[in-house]
Structures are given as structure tokens and as C-alpha cells.
Amino acid sequence: MIDLKDVYIYYGRKEVIRGISARVDGEKVLLMGPNGSGKTTLLSAIAGIVPYKGSIRVDGMEVRGVKNYNAVATNLPQAFSLGLTVEDVIEVYEEVKGCKADVRRELEKLGIKLNKAVYQLSAGQGVLVRTLIALATDPKVVLIDEPFENVDVSKRKVVVSWLKEYGKEGVIVTHEVDIARLFSDYNCFLIFEGSLFGPIKAGDLLSSSIVFGEDPSALLTLTVNGKKISLIRGDKGYRVDSMSNLERLYDLVAEA
């Protein structure tokens, strides 16, 4: 279980995560929001990479007091920053965590050379390597950041399959609205300007429309740039599934 209570994160004096509380118990959830909203920062805090105020517990243990907890796996680049080849990284993961999936075979099928240094990979190849190696250990908790960014559409099917098959619970971060279609039965949290909203089923999010103000029938109400936005059923308002990414909400607020 991942349990967040009153989590604040600061970069210098800037507050980037604002009093977030949430719980993920026995499921994988989507964390969606526009670029710069705090998605990766929050994921990094859960992974123990960035400091925070408040409480973040994974399996009952406060993250800031835990080192090398093998039940958690992440594709965050900080975990792959050594000057190693792809094969070297796989061997490290096999020794420390144990790989339950044939990640070598899958990466080679995707055209990735195992003797190549991780830092020499293209952006999309790097995402594939980090994501599949992290998932290959079939960890209890997965913390996956933007697993489809810069990845060819033809190669996304493998990523979707592995995300669904491996890992018992965790968080999958994306800013692409279309990705929610691939996980329509997953619960989804939205993050804007460091504040968290939800959960809402990804399928309900996609089929909802945006209206301004607080609607009593809303599936979810957000605050974006200081304005209330309601997600409601039906076609009244602006359809969420017409957006490619959630940055569009800022434009809608500015136009209102």
C-alpha cells in the first residue's frame, strides 16, 4: 500500500506539491496532469529520491527512513544513471531483485542492442529499457514515469502488456489523454499546480465533459488557475476525449 498524508514538496522556496493526501491499495492507478504539474516530483518522492514534508508510507514504512527496499521498482532515470550497458543493468537487476520475465528477448525484439551504454540510447529507447527492466522484476510496487514518452506507436503495445501484467500495485504517470483509453478500468488521479484530485475511473474521465464552476452532478471538480472546473457526464461542454493532453485545460481557462 502507498499512503500519502499532507505531503508538501519545495524546490527552494517554491511549493510544488501542496498538501497531498491519497492512498493506493492493491491496484495500479494512473496519475495524469499537464507538464510541470508535479507528477514526476510526486513519483520521485514516493521513490525516496526527493525530500518531502508530511508522510509517505509504502507497505507501512516511512519512505524517508528506508533504503534499498527491493519490493519497489521504478523507471525514473535517477535509478539508471550509472555508465552501464543495457546488459550490465539487467545483470544488476537479476542479482538484486531477480527478473521474472525475459527482458533481454523483449528488448532485442524491439531493436535495442544489449551491449550499448544506457546513456547512448535514444530518448524512446531509454524509456523502453528503464520501463521493461523495472517491470521484469514483477515488483510489489511499481512507480512508472511517462512510459510512452518518445516511444513509437508500434512499440507501445508491449509496454501496455507489461504494465498490466507485472507489478501488484503502484502509480503510472502520463500527460497523454489517449493513454487513459488503454487503461479504462484503472482509477485515475489528476494533478494540477501541485494539487491532487480524484480518483475517477479513466473510462469515466474520457467520456466526461468539462464545464466551468461547481456542478452538483460532477464526477469530479478541479481547481485550475484558481477556477473551478467540473467533469460531468454527457456532451454538454468541452469533451475530455477531444484533448490530446491536459495542457489544453489551461487554454480553456484562459478563454473562459
Foldseek 3Di string as FASTA:
>chain_A
DKWFAQKWADDVPRTQAGGDTDDWDQAAAEEAEDPSLCLVVVLCVLVCNGDIPGAIDDPRHTSVVDDDDLLEFELPCVVQVDFAFLLVVLVVCCVRQNFQDPLVVLLVVVVDDRRHTLVPDDPLSNLSSSQSSRQRSLHQEYRYEASCVPHDPVSVVVSLVSVVPGYRYYYYYDFFLVVLVSQQQHWYWYGGSNYIWDTDRSVLLQQWAKDWDDDPQFPTWDAHPNTIIGTHHDDPHHGPNVDGGNVVVVVVVVVD
